[in-house]
Structures are given as structure tokens and as C-alpha cells.
Amino acid sequence: MTRPEFAAHTPSDDRPDDDWHGLKEHLESVAKAAQTMAGKFQADRLGYYAGLWHDLGKYNPKFQEFLQKPMKLS
């Protein structure tokens, strides 16, 4: 997989460099999971939106730029 336009996470150390996690897919996946969990107490719609919005700030160009820089471990 090539790097998506907006990424949620960088690839982990044990995965190939091209294994990026797309932000849209990440948000939709978390939203569905949160909807299911919140449905247990009749708050499925609220859970869906909370999951959908939980990483909305990652669309910020500065954060996307940060993901491109390799981390230096000291």
C-alpha cells in the first residue's frame, strides 16, 4: 500500500515502510467499533460520532508533515 493522502499512523518498525494506515479508513473503523460498544447503553449514534471525530486533528497539515519525519530514539 502506498502512503495515503492523509495518514492516521506511520508504519510500525516491524512492518514494511509502505504499510501506511489511511486516516479515513481508521476513523470509519473506530466509529463503527465505538457505535457497537455504545449501543450497549443506547448511545450508538453518539459513539459513532465520537469515534469518527476522535482523531480529526490528524488532518492538520503540520501533523501529516510530522508523520513523514523519522523518529530519533535516544
N, C-alpha and C. Protein backbone atom coordinates (compact mmCIF):
# COMPACT_ATOMS: atom_id res chain seq x y z
N MET A 1 0.85 -1.18 0.00
CA MET A 1 0.00 0.00 0.00
C MET A 1 0.88 1.24 0.00
N THR A 2 0.58 2.18 -0.85
CA THR A 2 1.33 3.42 -0.85
C THR A 2 0.77 4.35 0.23
N ARG A 3 1.51 5.36 0.56
CA ARG A 3 1.07 6.29 1.59
C ARG A 3 -0.19 7.00 1.12
N PRO A 4 -1.24 6.98 1.94
CA PRO A 4 -2.47 7.68 1.57
C PRO A 4 -2.27 9.20 1.68
N GLU A 5 -3.17 9.95 1.09
CA GLU A 5 -3.07 11.41 1.17
C GLU A 5 -3.04 11.88 2.62
N PHE A 6 -3.89 11.27 3.45
CA PHE A 6 -3.92 11.57 4.88
C PHE A 6 -3.72 10.27 5.63
N ALA A 7 -2.70 10.24 6.47
CA ALA A 7 -2.37 9.02 7.21
C ALA A 7 -2.77 9.16 8.67
N ALA A 8 -3.17 8.04 9.26
CA ALA A 8 -3.51 8.02 10.68
C ALA A 8 -2.28 7.70 11.52
N HIS A 9 -1.44 6.81 11.00
CA HIS A 9 -0.26 6.33 11.72
C HIS A 9 0.84 6.04 10.72
N THR A 10 2.06 6.12 11.19
CA THR A 10 3.18 5.66 10.38
C THR A 10 3.28 4.15 10.54
N PRO A 11 3.94 3.48 9.60
CA PRO A 11 4.11 2.03 9.76
C PRO A 11 4.94 1.72 11.01
N SER A 12 4.65 0.61 11.66
CA SER A 12 5.42 0.23 12.83
C SER A 12 6.78 -0.31 12.39
N ASP A 13 7.70 -0.42 13.31
CA ASP A 13 9.06 -0.85 13.00
C ASP A 13 9.11 -2.25 12.39
N ASP A 14 8.16 -3.10 12.75
CA ASP A 14 8.20 -4.47 12.26
C ASP A 14 7.38 -4.68 10.98
N ARG A 15 6.94 -3.58 10.36
CA ARG A 15 6.16 -3.69 9.13
C ARG A 15 6.87 -2.91 8.03
N PRO A 16 6.61 -3.24 6.79
CA PRO A 16 7.26 -2.53 5.69
C PRO A 16 6.93 -1.03 5.69
N ASP A 17 7.85 -0.25 5.13
CA ASP A 17 7.67 1.20 5.07
C ASP A 17 6.43 1.62 4.30
N ASP A 18 5.94 0.78 3.43
CA ASP A 18 4.78 1.18 2.63
C ASP A 18 3.46 0.75 3.26
N ASP A 19 3.49 0.29 4.51
CA ASP A 19 2.29 -0.18 5.19
C ASP A 19 1.67 0.95 6.01
N TRP A 20 1.12 1.95 5.31
CA TRP A 20 0.53 3.11 5.97
C TRP A 20 -0.93 2.84 6.29
N HIS A 21 -1.44 3.47 7.33
CA HIS A 21 -2.83 3.33 7.74
C HIS A 21 -3.54 4.64 7.37
N GLY A 22 -4.46 4.56 6.41
CA GLY A 22 -5.19 5.75 5.97
C GLY A 22 -6.08 6.32 7.06
N LEU A 23 -6.13 7.63 7.16
CA LEU A 23 -6.89 8.30 8.21
C LEU A 23 -8.40 8.08 8.04
N LYS A 24 -8.90 8.18 6.84
CA LYS A 24 -10.34 7.99 6.60
C LYS A 24 -10.77 6.59 7.03
N GLU A 25 -10.01 5.60 6.61
CA GLU A 25 -10.33 4.22 6.97
C GLU A 25 -10.24 4.00 8.48
N HIS A 26 -9.23 4.60 9.09
CA HIS A 26 -9.05 4.49 10.54
C HIS A 26 -10.25 5.08 11.28
N LEU A 27 -10.66 6.28 10.89
CA LEU A 27 -11.77 6.94 11.57
C LEU A 27 -13.07 6.17 11.39
N GLU A 28 -13.32 5.65 10.20
CA GLU A 28 -14.54 4.88 9.96
C GLU A 28 -14.54 3.58 10.76
N SER A 29 -13.40 2.94 10.85
CA SER A 29 -13.28 1.69 11.61
C SER A 29 -13.53 1.92 13.10
N VAL A 30 -12.92 2.96 13.64
CA VAL A 30 -13.10 3.28 15.06
C VAL A 30 -14.55 3.69 15.31
N ALA A 31 -15.14 4.45 14.39
CA ALA A 31 -16.53 4.89 14.55
C ALA A 31 -17.47 3.70 14.64
N LYS A 32 -17.28 2.72 13.78
CA LYS A 32 -18.14 1.53 13.80
C LYS A 32 -17.96 0.73 15.09
N ALA A 33 -16.73 0.61 15.55
CA ALA A 33 -16.47 -0.11 16.79
C ALA A 33 -17.08 0.63 17.98
N ALA A 34 -16.92 1.95 18.02
CA ALA A 34 -17.48 2.75 19.11
C ALA A 34 -19.01 2.70 19.08
N GLN A 35 -19.59 2.68 17.89
CA GLN A 35 -21.04 2.58 17.75
C GLN A 35 -21.54 1.28 18.37
N THR A 36 -20.86 0.20 18.08
CA THR A 36 -21.26 -1.10 18.63
C THR A 36 -21.16 -1.10 20.15
N MET A 37 -20.06 -0.60 20.68
CA MET A 37 -19.89 -0.59 22.13
C MET A 37 -20.88 0.34 22.82
N ALA A 38 -21.10 1.52 22.26
CA ALA A 38 -22.02 2.48 22.86
C ALA A 38 -23.47 2.03 22.72
N GLY A 39 -23.74 1.18 21.74
CA GLY A 39 -25.09 0.66 21.56
C GLY A 39 -25.55 -0.16 22.74
N LYS A 40 -24.62 -0.67 23.51
CA LYS A 40 -24.97 -1.48 24.70
C LYS A 40 -25.68 -0.64 25.75
N PHE A 41 -25.50 0.70 25.68
CA PHE A 41 -26.22 1.57 26.61
C PHE A 41 -27.01 2.64 25.85
N GLN A 42 -27.54 2.24 24.69
CA GLN A 42 -28.41 3.06 23.85
C GLN A 42 -27.80 4.40 23.44
N ALA A 43 -26.51 4.41 23.17
CA ALA A 43 -25.84 5.64 22.73
C ALA A 43 -25.04 5.36 21.46
N ASP A 44 -25.57 4.49 20.60
CA ASP A 44 -24.81 4.09 19.42
C ASP A 44 -24.48 5.25 18.49
N ARG A 45 -25.42 6.17 18.30
CA ARG A 45 -25.16 7.30 17.42
C ARG A 45 -24.06 8.20 18.00
N LEU A 46 -24.13 8.46 19.28
CA LEU A 46 -23.10 9.27 19.95
C LEU A 46 -21.74 8.56 19.86
N GLY A 47 -21.73 7.26 20.08
CA GLY A 47 -20.49 6.50 19.96
C GLY A 47 -19.90 6.58 18.57
N TYR A 48 -20.76 6.49 17.56
CA TYR A 48 -20.28 6.57 16.17
C TYR A 48 -19.58 7.90 15.93
N TYR A 49 -20.23 9.01 16.31
CA TYR A 49 -19.61 10.32 16.06
C TYR A 49 -18.37 10.56 16.91
N ALA A 50 -18.37 10.06 18.12
CA ALA A 50 -17.17 10.19 18.96
C ALA A 50 -15.99 9.46 18.31
N GLY A 51 -16.26 8.26 17.80
CA GLY A 51 -15.20 7.51 17.12
C GLY A 51 -14.76 8.17 15.84
N LEU A 52 -15.71 8.73 15.11
CA LEU A 52 -15.40 9.38 13.84
C LEU A 52 -14.55 10.63 14.05
N TRP A 53 -14.79 11.34 15.13
CA TRP A 53 -14.11 12.62 15.36
C TRP A 53 -12.88 12.51 16.25
N HIS A 54 -12.59 11.34 16.80
CA HIS A 54 -11.54 11.25 17.83
C HIS A 54 -10.16 11.66 17.35
N ASP A 55 -9.86 11.50 16.08
CA ASP A 55 -8.55 11.87 15.54
C ASP A 55 -8.67 12.92 14.43
N LEU A 56 -9.70 13.71 14.46
CA LEU A 56 -9.95 14.68 13.40
C LEU A 56 -8.78 15.64 13.21
N GLY A 57 -8.09 15.97 14.30
CA GLY A 57 -6.96 16.89 14.23
C GLY A 57 -5.80 16.36 13.40
N LYS A 58 -5.80 15.05 13.11
CA LYS A 58 -4.72 14.49 12.30
C LYS A 58 -4.79 14.92 10.84
N TYR A 59 -5.88 15.59 10.45
CA TYR A 59 -5.95 16.16 9.11
C TYR A 59 -5.11 17.43 8.99
N ASN A 60 -4.64 17.96 10.11
CA ASN A 60 -3.82 19.16 10.11
C ASN A 60 -2.54 18.91 9.31
N PRO A 61 -2.22 19.79 8.37
CA PRO A 61 -1.00 19.59 7.56
C PRO A 61 0.27 19.44 8.39
N LYS A 62 0.34 20.12 9.52
CA LYS A 62 1.53 20.02 10.37
C LYS A 62 1.67 18.61 10.94
N PHE A 63 0.55 17.99 11.31
CA PHE A 63 0.62 16.63 11.83
C PHE A 63 1.01 15.67 10.72
N GLN A 64 0.46 15.84 9.54
CA GLN A 64 0.80 14.98 8.42
C GLN A 64 2.29 15.11 8.08
N GLU A 65 2.81 16.31 8.18
CA GLU A 65 4.24 16.55 7.97
C GLU A 65 5.06 15.81 9.03
N PHE A 66 4.60 15.86 10.27
CA PHE A 66 5.27 15.18 11.38
C PHE A 66 5.37 13.68 11.12
N LEU A 67 4.32 13.08 10.58
CA LEU A 67 4.34 11.64 10.31
C LEU A 67 5.41 11.25 9.29
N GLN A 68 5.79 12.18 8.46
CA GLN A 68 6.79 11.91 7.42
C GLN A 68 8.22 11.87 7.97
N LYS A 69 8.43 12.49 9.11
CA LYS A 69 9.79 12.57 9.67
C LYS A 69 10.10 11.36 10.49
N PRO A 70 11.26 10.75 10.26
CA PRO A 70 11.63 9.58 11.08
C PRO A 70 11.89 10.01 12.51
N MET A 71 11.47 9.15 13.44
CA MET A 71 11.69 9.44 14.86
C MET A 71 13.10 9.03 15.26
N LYS A 72 13.70 9.84 16.09
CA LYS A 72 15.04 9.53 16.59
C LYS A 72 14.88 9.07 18.04
N LEU A 73 15.27 7.87 18.30
CA LEU A 73 15.22 7.35 19.66
C LEU A 73 16.55 7.60 20.35
N SER A 74 16.46 8.13 21.56
CA SER A 74 17.72 8.43 22.27
C SER A 74 18.02 7.38 23.31
